[in-house]
Amino acid sequence: MARLEGKVAIVTGGGTGIGEATCHRFAEEGARVAVFDVVEDAGRETVEAIRRTGADAEFHRCDVSKESDVESALSAVVSQWGTLDVLVNNAAITGVNKLAHEVAVEDWDRIFAVNVRGVFLCTKHAVRAMMDKKRGSIVNFSSIYGLIGNDDLPPYHATKGAVLAMTKTDAICYGQHGIRVNAVHPGSTKTPLFMKAGETYPGGLDHYLEMMSAKHVLPLAEPVDIANCVLFLASDESRFVTGASLVCDGGYTAQ
């Protein structure tokens, strides 16, 4: 039997990159997938691609930083499919790449609104749909920089540390309701956003990939490599795993 057979899953930021790959892997493993994204074209393209395989998917435009959006979209999923089994809090923005003394309060607030408030809001409304049936799996996207420091993107890294703390606390709080909450910590992954950043790097994309590859023991990840880790945490194979950090970084933090 498929690993997510009969389950209903929401993936935020499901239109591109790792979120898109996660949507496809979930559909391949039997889930009905609700794609949440603020970028409508990308989200709808993901849904159409999944439907062409014969799987079931729906798109919901959702700005995860707005509670009205989250509540409306999540309610629509439960109303249509009658349940919710899996939530993947993937949606995030990188924000400004400035040191703390250079960051405007507005920029700080914006990245926390998406990366932290978004996880809070989606979790808040998802657990309500999971508690009655005493089961569910929530997978939060932190980062290797939720575990270690680096000399760029301080606001982004701060949000990923916050997501890890939320993951551990929610795992403890909701375990009594049969809801598991775990975090994934990806290393460098060849998403469209990552590759676009490489094109603007001094020396160009090839130099950027060479530089980033040197930081990892294994070759840089493809989005599906991270999606497979999310799939494990979403499935019943990880039924005794909660409050955990699944580091999928090709050996970056082992060095």
C-alpha atoms as a PDB file:
ATOM      1  CA  MET A   1       0.000   0.000   0.000  1.00  0.00           C
ATOM      2  CA  ALA A   2       1.173   3.552  -0.707  1.00  0.00           C
ATOM      3  CA  ARG A   3       2.756   5.243   2.282  1.00  0.00           C
ATOM      4  CA  LEU A   4       0.150   8.045   2.523  1.00  0.00           C
ATOM      5  CA  GLU A   5      -2.829   6.135   1.172  1.00  0.00           C
ATOM      6  CA  GLY A   6      -6.096   7.781   2.192  1.00  0.00           C
ATOM      7  CA  LYS A   7      -4.450  10.746   3.907  1.00  0.00           C
ATOM      8  CA  VAL A   8      -5.168  14.429   3.325  1.00  0.00           C
ATOM      9  CA  ALA A   9      -2.131  16.713   3.330  1.00  0.00           C
ATOM     10  CA  ILE A  10      -1.565  20.463   3.182  1.00  0.00           C
ATOM     11  CA  VAL A  11       1.755  21.799   1.900  1.00  0.00           C
ATOM     12  CA  THR A  12       2.356  25.532   2.261  1.00  0.00           C
ATOM     13  CA  GLY A  13       4.566  27.111  -0.356  1.00  0.00           C
ATOM     14  CA  GLY A  14       3.718  24.135  -2.533  1.00  0.00           C
ATOM     15  CA  GLY A  15       4.083  25.883  -5.867  1.00  0.00           C
ATOM     16  CA  THR A  16       7.849  25.726  -6.290  1.00  0.00           C
ATOM     17  CA  GLY A  17      11.061  24.163  -5.072  1.00  0.00           C
ATOM     18  CA  ILE A  18      11.012  21.745  -2.156  1.00  0.00           C
ATOM     19  CA  GLY A  19       7.329  22.415  -1.533  1.00  0.00           C
ATOM     20  CA  GLU A  20       6.451  21.438  -5.084  1.00  0.00           C
ATOM     21  CA  ALA A  21       8.577  18.286  -4.870  1.00  0.00           C
ATOM     22  CA  THR A  22       6.869  17.397  -1.581  1.00  0.00           C
ATOM     23  CA  CYS A  23       3.434  17.778  -3.156  1.00  0.00           C
ATOM     24  CA  HIS A  24       4.411  15.395  -5.948  1.00  0.00           C
ATOM     25  CA  ARG A  25       5.905  12.800  -3.594  1.00  0.00           C
ATOM     26  CA  PHE A  26       2.830  12.904  -1.376  1.00  0.00           C
ATOM     27  CA  ALA A  27       0.542  12.435  -4.373  1.00  0.00           C
ATOM     28  CA  GLU A  28       2.680   9.545  -5.632  1.00  0.00           C
ATOM     29  CA  GLU A  29       2.238   7.898  -2.242  1.00  0.00           C
ATOM     30  CA  GLY A  30      -1.549   8.158  -2.269  1.00  0.00           C
ATOM     31  CA  ALA A  31      -2.321  11.440  -0.494  1.00  0.00           C
ATOM     32  CA  ARG A  32      -4.858  14.005  -1.531  1.00  0.00           C
ATOM     33  CA  VAL A  33      -2.807  17.197  -1.605  1.00  0.00           C
ATOM     34  CA  ALA A  34      -3.884  20.753  -0.882  1.00  0.00           C
ATOM     35  CA  VAL A  35      -1.349  23.177  -2.323  1.00  0.00           C
ATOM     36  CA  PHE A  36      -1.210  26.465  -0.406  1.00  0.00           C
ATOM     37  CA  ASP A  37       0.722  29.290  -2.038  1.00  0.00           C
ATOM     38  CA  VAL A  38       0.533  33.042  -2.440  1.00  0.00           C
ATOM     39  CA  VAL A  39       1.766  32.725  -6.047  1.00  0.00           C
ATOM     40  CA  GLU A  40      -1.301  31.486  -7.892  1.00  0.00           C
ATOM     41  CA  ASP A  41       0.285  30.510 -11.213  1.00  0.00           C
ATOM     42  CA  ALA A  42       2.902  28.301  -9.579  1.00  0.00           C
ATOM     43  CA  GLY A  43       0.418  26.706  -7.209  1.00  0.00           C
ATOM     44  CA  ARG A  44      -2.071  25.915  -9.937  1.00  0.00           C
ATOM     45  CA  GLU A  45       0.654  24.474 -12.167  1.00  0.00           C
ATOM     46  CA  THR A  46       1.643  22.092  -9.382  1.00  0.00           C
ATOM     47  CA  VAL A  47      -1.965  20.995  -8.984  1.00  0.00           C
ATOM     48  CA  GLU A  48      -2.468  20.453 -12.701  1.00  0.00           C
ATOM     49  CA  ALA A  49       0.727  18.413 -12.946  1.00  0.00           C
ATOM     50  CA  ILE A  50      -0.441  16.203 -10.079  1.00  0.00           C
ATOM     51  CA  ARG A  51      -3.888  15.765 -11.599  1.00  0.00           C
ATOM     52  CA  ARG A  52      -2.362  14.637 -14.872  1.00  0.00           C
ATOM     53  CA  THR A  53      -0.966  11.638 -12.999  1.00  0.00           C
ATOM     54  CA  GLY A  54      -4.470  10.708 -11.835  1.00  0.00           C
ATOM     55  CA  ALA A  55      -3.939  11.870  -8.249  1.00  0.00           C
ATOM     56  CA  ASP A  56      -6.162  14.319  -6.361  1.00  0.00           C
ATOM     57  CA  ALA A  57      -5.007  17.874  -5.648  1.00  0.00           C
ATOM     58  CA  GLU A  58      -6.501  21.293  -5.054  1.00  0.00           C
ATOM     59  CA  PHE A  59      -5.022  24.793  -4.983  1.00  0.00           C
ATOM     60  CA  HIS A  60      -5.803  27.358  -2.300  1.00  0.00           C
ATOM     61  CA  ARG A  61      -4.347  30.849  -2.468  1.00  0.00           C
ATOM     62  CA  CYS A  62      -3.075  31.522   1.023  1.00  0.00           C
ATOM     63  CA  ASP A  63      -0.850  34.145   2.584  1.00  0.00           C
ATOM     64  CA  VAL A  64       0.254  32.244   5.682  1.00  0.00           C
ATOM     65  CA  SER A  65       0.961  35.490   7.534  1.00  0.00           C
ATOM     66  CA  LYS A  66      -2.775  36.349   7.484  1.00  0.00           C
ATOM     67  CA  GLU A  67      -5.031  34.428   9.837  1.00  0.00           C
ATOM     68  CA  SER A  68      -8.119  35.005   7.701  1.00  0.00           C
ATOM     69  CA  ASP A  69      -6.385  33.387   4.714  1.00  0.00           C
ATOM     70  CA  VAL A  70      -5.168  30.422   6.748  1.00  0.00           C
ATOM     71  CA  GLU A  71      -8.490  29.816   8.467  1.00  0.00           C
ATOM     72  CA  SER A  72     -10.446  30.062   5.214  1.00  0.00           C
ATOM     73  CA  ALA A  73      -8.130  27.816   3.192  1.00  0.00           C
ATOM     74  CA  LEU A  74      -7.800  25.187   5.888  1.00  0.00           C
ATOM     75  CA  SER A  75     -11.541  25.112   6.496  1.00  0.00           C
ATOM     76  CA  ALA A  76     -12.093  24.604   2.770  1.00  0.00           C
ATOM     77  CA  VAL A  77      -9.765  21.585   2.752  1.00  0.00           C
ATOM     78  CA  VAL A  78     -11.522  19.934   5.702  1.00  0.00           C
ATOM     79  CA  SER A  79     -14.936  20.757   4.271  1.00  0.00           C
ATOM     80  CA  GLN A  80     -14.074  19.212   0.906  1.00  0.00           C
ATOM     81  CA  TRP A  81     -12.173  16.125   2.047  1.00  0.00           C
ATOM     82  CA  GLY A  82     -13.596  15.662   5.534  1.00  0.00           C
ATOM     83  CA  THR A  83     -10.306  15.399   7.394  1.00  0.00           C
ATOM     84  CA  LEU A  84      -6.710  16.571   7.726  1.00  0.00           C
ATOM     85  CA  ASP A  85      -3.829  14.207   8.421  1.00  0.00           C
ATOM     86  CA  VAL A  86      -0.648  16.075   7.484  1.00  0.00           C
ATOM     87  CA  LEU A  87       0.495  19.696   7.538  1.00  0.00           C
ATOM     88  CA  VAL A  88       3.826  20.729   6.025  1.00  0.00           C
ATOM     89  CA  ASN A  89       4.862  24.243   7.044  1.00  0.00           C
ATOM     90  CA  ASN A  90       7.228  24.969   4.186  1.00  0.00           C
ATOM     91  CA  ALA A  91       6.319  28.522   3.093  1.00  0.00           C
ATOM     92  CA  ALA A  92       9.074  31.018   3.877  1.00  0.00           C
ATOM     93  CA  ILE A  93      10.955  34.024   2.565  1.00  0.00           C
ATOM     94  CA  THR A  94      14.673  34.770   2.906  1.00  0.00           C
ATOM     95  CA  GLY A  95      14.246  38.479   3.588  1.00  0.00           C
ATOM     96  CA  VAL A  96      17.021  41.039   3.549  1.00  0.00           C
ATOM     97  CA  ASN A  97      20.674  40.061   3.709  1.00  0.00           C
ATOM     98  CA  LYS A  98      21.872  42.695   6.176  1.00  0.00           C
ATOM     99  CA  LEU A  99      23.550  42.659   9.544  1.00  0.00           C
ATOM    100  CA  ALA A 100      21.356  43.291  12.583  1.00  0.00           C
ATOM    101  CA  HIS A 101      22.306  46.960  12.921  1.00  0.00           C
ATOM    102  CA  GLU A 102      21.340  47.546   9.275  1.00  0.00           C
ATOM    103  CA  VAL A 103      17.953  45.784   9.286  1.00  0.00           C
ATOM    104  CA  ALA A 104      14.842  47.959   9.307  1.00  0.00           C
ATOM    105  CA  VAL A 105      12.166  46.972  11.813  1.00  0.00           C
ATOM    106  CA  GLU A 106       9.711  46.618   8.940  1.00  0.00           C
ATOM    107  CA  ASP A 107      11.962  44.074   7.214  1.00  0.00           C
ATOM    108  CA  TRP A 108      12.410  42.144  10.466  1.00  0.00           C
ATOM    109  CA  ASP A 109       8.668  42.067  11.074  1.00  0.00           C
ATOM    110  CA  ARG A 110       7.894  40.932   7.537  1.00  0.00           C
ATOM    111  CA  ILE A 111      10.141  37.867   7.599  1.00  0.00           C
ATOM    112  CA  PHE A 112       8.893  36.880  11.041  1.00  0.00           C
ATOM    113  CA  ALA A 113       5.305  37.318   9.835  1.00  0.00           C
ATOM    114  CA  VAL A 114       5.786  34.726   7.096  1.00  0.00           C
ATOM    115  CA  ASN A 115       8.351  32.346   8.577  1.00  0.00           C
ATOM    116  CA  VAL A 116       7.216  32.266  12.210  1.00  0.00           C
ATOM    117  CA  ARG A 117       3.695  33.654  12.431  1.00  0.00           C
ATOM    118  CA  GLY A 118       2.834  31.563   9.360  1.00  0.00           C
ATOM    119  CA  VAL A 119       3.918  28.358  11.089  1.00  0.00           C
ATOM    120  CA  PHE A 120       1.983  29.378  14.199  1.00  0.00           C
ATOM    121  CA  LEU A 121      -1.218  30.186  12.302  1.00  0.00           C
ATOM    122  CA  CYS A 122      -1.208  27.044  10.167  1.00  0.00           C
ATOM    123  CA  THR A 123      -0.461  24.887  13.198  1.00  0.00           C
ATOM    124  CA  LYS A 124      -3.135  26.657  15.257  1.00  0.00           C
ATOM    125  CA  HIS A 125      -5.872  25.835  12.776  1.00  0.00           C
ATOM    126  CA  ALA A 126      -4.535  22.436  11.684  1.00  0.00           C
ATOM    127  CA  VAL A 127      -4.418  20.948  15.177  1.00  0.00           C
ATOM    128  CA  ARG A 128      -8.066  21.806  15.653  1.00  0.00           C
ATOM    129  CA  ALA A 129      -8.863  19.551  12.713  1.00  0.00           C
ATOM    130  CA  MET A 130      -6.559  16.790  14.012  1.00  0.00           C
ATOM    131  CA  MET A 131      -7.381  16.707  17.727  1.00  0.00           C
ATOM    132  CA  ASP A 132     -10.816  15.095  17.484  1.00  0.00           C
ATOM    133  CA  LYS A 133      -9.507  12.010  15.724  1.00  0.00           C
ATOM    134  CA  LYS A 134      -6.377  11.873  17.923  1.00  0.00           C
ATOM    135  CA  ARG A 135      -3.822  11.702  15.127  1.00  0.00           C
ATOM    136  CA  GLY A 136      -1.866  13.881  12.756  1.00  0.00           C
ATOM    137  CA  SER A 137       1.618  14.807  11.597  1.00  0.00           C
ATOM    138  CA  ILE A 138       3.042  18.313  11.298  1.00  0.00           C
ATOM    139  CA  VAL A 139       6.382  18.845   9.580  1.00  0.00           C
ATOM    140  CA  ASN A 140       8.020  22.248  10.013  1.00  0.00           C
ATOM    141  CA  PHE A 141      10.808  23.559   7.828  1.00  0.00           C
ATOM    142  CA  SER A 142      13.684  24.901   9.863  1.00  0.00           C
ATOM    143  CA  SER A 143      17.148  24.971   8.297  1.00  0.00           C
ATOM    144  CA  ILE A 144      20.716  24.025   9.049  1.00  0.00           C
ATOM    145  CA  TYR A 145      20.856  27.642  10.207  1.00  0.00           C
ATOM    146  CA  GLY A 146      18.302  26.860  12.860  1.00  0.00           C
ATOM    147  CA  LEU A 147      21.090  24.720  14.329  1.00  0.00           C
ATOM    148  CA  ILE A 148      24.284  26.638  13.570  1.00  0.00           C
ATOM    149  CA  GLY A 149      25.231  30.209  12.755  1.00  0.00           C
ATOM    150  CA  ASN A 150      26.521  31.828   9.587  1.00  0.00           C
ATOM    151  CA  ASP A 151      27.604  35.263   8.427  1.00  0.00           C
ATOM    152  CA  ASP A 152      24.613  36.094   6.236  1.00  0.00           C
ATOM    153  CA  LEU A 153      20.819  36.513   6.461  1.00  0.00           C
ATOM    154  CA  PRO A 154      20.589  37.091  10.248  1.00  0.00           C
ATOM    155  CA  PRO A 155      16.800  37.676  10.276  1.00  0.00           C
ATOM    156  CA  TYR A 156      16.149  34.504   8.274  1.00  0.00           C
ATOM    157  CA  HIS A 157      18.344  32.417  10.551  1.00  0.00           C
ATOM    158  CA  ALA A 158      16.584  33.833  13.603  1.00  0.00           C
ATOM    159  CA  THR A 159      13.233  32.708  12.208  1.00  0.00           C
ATOM    160  CA  LYS A 160      14.509  29.185  11.657  1.00  0.00           C
ATOM    161  CA  GLY A 161      15.723  28.974  15.240  1.00  0.00           C
ATOM    162  CA  ALA A 162      12.263  30.065  16.344  1.00  0.00           C
ATOM    163  CA  VAL A 163      10.651  27.350  14.208  1.00  0.00           C
ATOM    164  CA  LEU A 164      12.803  24.705  15.898  1.00  0.00           C
ATOM    165  CA  ALA A 165      11.766  25.913  19.365  1.00  0.00           C
ATOM    166  CA  MET A 166       8.112  25.907  18.299  1.00  0.00           C
ATOM    167  CA  THR A 167       8.486  22.385  16.933  1.00  0.00           C
ATOM    168  CA  LYS A 168       9.758  20.983  20.225  1.00  0.00           C
ATOM    169  CA  THR A 169       7.148  22.786  22.311  1.00  0.00           C
ATOM    170  CA  ASP A 170       4.237  21.819  20.061  1.00  0.00           C
ATOM    171  CA  ALA A 171       5.426  18.204  20.030  1.00  0.00           C
ATOM    172  CA  ILE A 172       5.156  18.133  23.815  1.00  0.00           C
ATOM    173  CA  CYS A 173       1.854  19.997  23.935  1.00  0.00           C
ATOM    174  CA  TYR A 174       0.027  17.988  21.290  1.00  0.00           C
ATOM    175  CA  GLY A 175       1.481  14.535  21.800  1.00  0.00           C
ATOM    176  CA  GLN A 176      -1.383  13.728  24.173  1.00  0.00           C
ATOM    177  CA  HIS A 177      -3.706  14.291  21.216  1.00  0.00           C
ATOM    178  CA  GLY A 178      -1.797  11.891  18.970  1.00  0.00           C
ATOM    179  CA  ILE A 179      -0.312  14.717  16.920  1.00  0.00           C
ATOM    180  CA  ARG A 180       3.372  14.468  16.041  1.00  0.00           C
ATOM    181  CA  VAL A 181       5.412  17.599  15.290  1.00  0.00           C
ATOM    182  CA  ASN A 182       8.868  17.389  13.749  1.00  0.00           C
ATOM    183  CA  ALA A 183      11.336  19.625  11.919  1.00  0.00           C
ATOM    184  CA  VAL A 184      13.485  19.152   8.856  1.00  0.00           C
ATOM    185  CA  HIS A 185      16.772  21.021   8.462  1.00  0.00           C
ATOM    186  CA  PRO A 186      17.818  21.095   4.806  1.00  0.00           C
ATOM    187  CA  GLY A 187      21.240  21.986   3.560  1.00  0.00           C
ATOM    188  CA  SER A 188      21.827  23.632   0.197  1.00  0.00           C
ATOM    189  CA  THR A 189      19.243  22.401  -2.280  1.00  0.00           C
ATOM    190  CA  LYS A 190      19.108  23.127  -5.997  1.00  0.00           C
ATOM    191  CA  THR A 191      15.759  24.875  -6.040  1.00  0.00           C
ATOM    192  CA  PRO A 192      14.963  27.552  -8.643  1.00  0.00           C
ATOM    193  CA  LEU A 193      15.522  30.226  -5.959  1.00  0.00           C
ATOM    194  CA  PHE A 194      18.914  28.746  -5.038  1.00  0.00           C
ATOM    195  CA  MET A 195      20.016  28.567  -8.670  1.00  0.00           C
ATOM    196  CA  LYS A 196      18.837  32.122  -9.330  1.00  0.00           C
ATOM    197  CA  ALA A 197      20.883  33.346  -6.380  1.00  0.00           C
ATOM    198  CA  GLY A 198      23.890  31.530  -7.837  1.00  0.00           C
ATOM    199  CA  GLU A 199      23.549  33.344 -11.144  1.00  0.00           C
ATOM    200  CA  THR A 200      24.052  36.705  -9.421  1.00  0.00           C
ATOM    201  CA  TYR A 201      26.982  35.512  -7.303  1.00  0.00           C
ATOM    202  CA  PRO A 202      30.441  36.936  -8.181  1.00  0.00           C
ATOM    203  CA  GLY A 203      31.928  34.514 -10.685  1.00  0.00           C
ATOM    204  CA  GLY A 204      28.553  33.206 -11.800  1.00  0.00           C
ATOM    205  CA  LEU A 205      26.537  30.061 -11.188  1.00  0.00           C
ATOM    206  CA  ASP A 206      29.339  27.543 -11.698  1.00  0.00           C
ATOM    207  CA  HIS A 207      31.523  29.277  -9.138  1.00  0.00           C
ATOM    208  CA  TYR A 208      28.613  29.494  -6.717  1.00  0.00           C
ATOM    209  CA  LEU A 209      27.831  25.781  -7.038  1.00  0.00           C
ATOM    210  CA  GLU A 210      31.502  24.908  -6.570  1.00  0.00           C
ATOM    211  CA  MET A 211      31.709  27.075  -3.458  1.00  0.00           C
ATOM    212  CA  MET A 212      28.511  25.641  -1.921  1.00  0.00           C
ATOM    213  CA  SER A 213      29.437  22.066  -2.834  1.00  0.00           C
ATOM    214  CA  ALA A 214      32.677  22.406  -0.888  1.00  0.00           C
ATOM    215  CA  LYS A 215      30.632  22.950   2.279  1.00  0.00           C
ATOM    216  CA  HIS A 216      28.847  19.590   1.941  1.00  0.00           C
ATOM    217  CA  VAL A 217      30.221  16.066   2.151  1.00  0.00           C
ATOM    218  CA  LEU A 218      27.681  14.777  -0.373  1.00  0.00           C
ATOM    219  CA  PRO A 219      26.594  16.391  -3.661  1.00  0.00           C
ATOM    220  CA  LEU A 220      24.086  19.221  -3.301  1.00  0.00           C
ATOM    221  CA  ALA A 221      20.510  18.070  -2.823  1.00  0.00           C
ATOM    222  CA  GLU A 222      17.778  18.054  -5.400  1.00  0.00           C
ATOM    223  CA  PRO A 223      14.343  19.129  -4.058  1.00  0.00           C
ATOM    224  CA  VAL A 224      13.108  15.524  -4.110  1.00  0.00           C
ATOM    225  CA  ASP A 225      15.863  14.528  -1.674  1.00  0.00           C
ATOM    226  CA  ILE A 226      14.378  16.813   0.966  1.00  0.00           C
ATOM    227  CA  ALA A 227      10.835  15.842  -0.003  1.00  0.00           C
ATOM    228  CA  ASN A 228      11.657  12.217   0.760  1.00  0.00           C
ATOM    229  CA  CYS A 229      12.677  13.190   4.287  1.00  0.00           C
ATOM    230  CA  VAL A 230       9.404  15.068   4.729  1.00  0.00           C
ATOM    231  CA  LEU A 231       7.535  12.023   3.427  1.00  0.00           C
ATOM    232  CA  PHE A 232       9.051   9.832   6.144  1.00  0.00           C
ATOM    233  CA  LEU A 233       7.972  12.232   8.894  1.00  0.00           C
ATOM    234  CA  ALA A 234       4.494  12.575   7.390  1.00  0.00           C
ATOM    235  CA  SER A 235       3.955   8.836   7.127  1.00  0.00           C
ATOM    236  CA  ASP A 236       3.085   6.295   9.804  1.00  0.00           C
ATOM    237  CA  GLU A 237       6.609   4.906   9.441  1.00  0.00           C
ATOM    238  CA  SER A 238       7.662   7.643  11.876  1.00  0.00           C
ATOM    239  CA  ARG A 239       4.801   7.074  14.327  1.00  0.00           C
ATOM    240  CA  PHE A 240       7.209   7.083  17.327  1.00  0.00           C
ATOM    241  CA  VAL A 241       9.053  10.212  16.175  1.00  0.00           C
ATOM    242  CA  THR A 242       8.075  13.610  17.550  1.00  0.00           C
ATOM    243  CA  GLY A 243       9.925  16.736  18.601  1.00  0.00           C
ATOM    244  CA  ALA A 244      12.796  15.585  16.403  1.00  0.00           C
ATOM    245  CA  SER A 245      15.140  17.370  14.025  1.00  0.00           C
ATOM    246  CA  LEU A 246      15.773  15.489  10.795  1.00  0.00           C
ATOM    247  CA  VAL A 247      18.952  17.005   9.424  1.00  0.00           C
ATOM    248  CA  CYS A 248      19.131  16.493   5.664  1.00  0.00           C
ATOM    249  CA  ASP A 249      22.212  18.502   4.822  1.00  0.00           C
ATOM    250  CA  GLY A 250      24.645  16.222   3.010  1.00  0.00           C
ATOM    251  CA  GLY A 251      27.039  16.304   5.949  1.00  0.00           C
ATOM    252  CA  TYR A 252      27.255  20.105   6.245  1.00  0.00           C
ATOM    253  CA  THR A 253      26.800  20.250  10.019  1.00  0.00           C
ATOM    254  CA  ALA A 254      28.871  17.096  10.648  1.00  0.00           C
ATOM    255  CA  GLN A 255      32.088  18.926   9.852  1.00  0.00           C
END
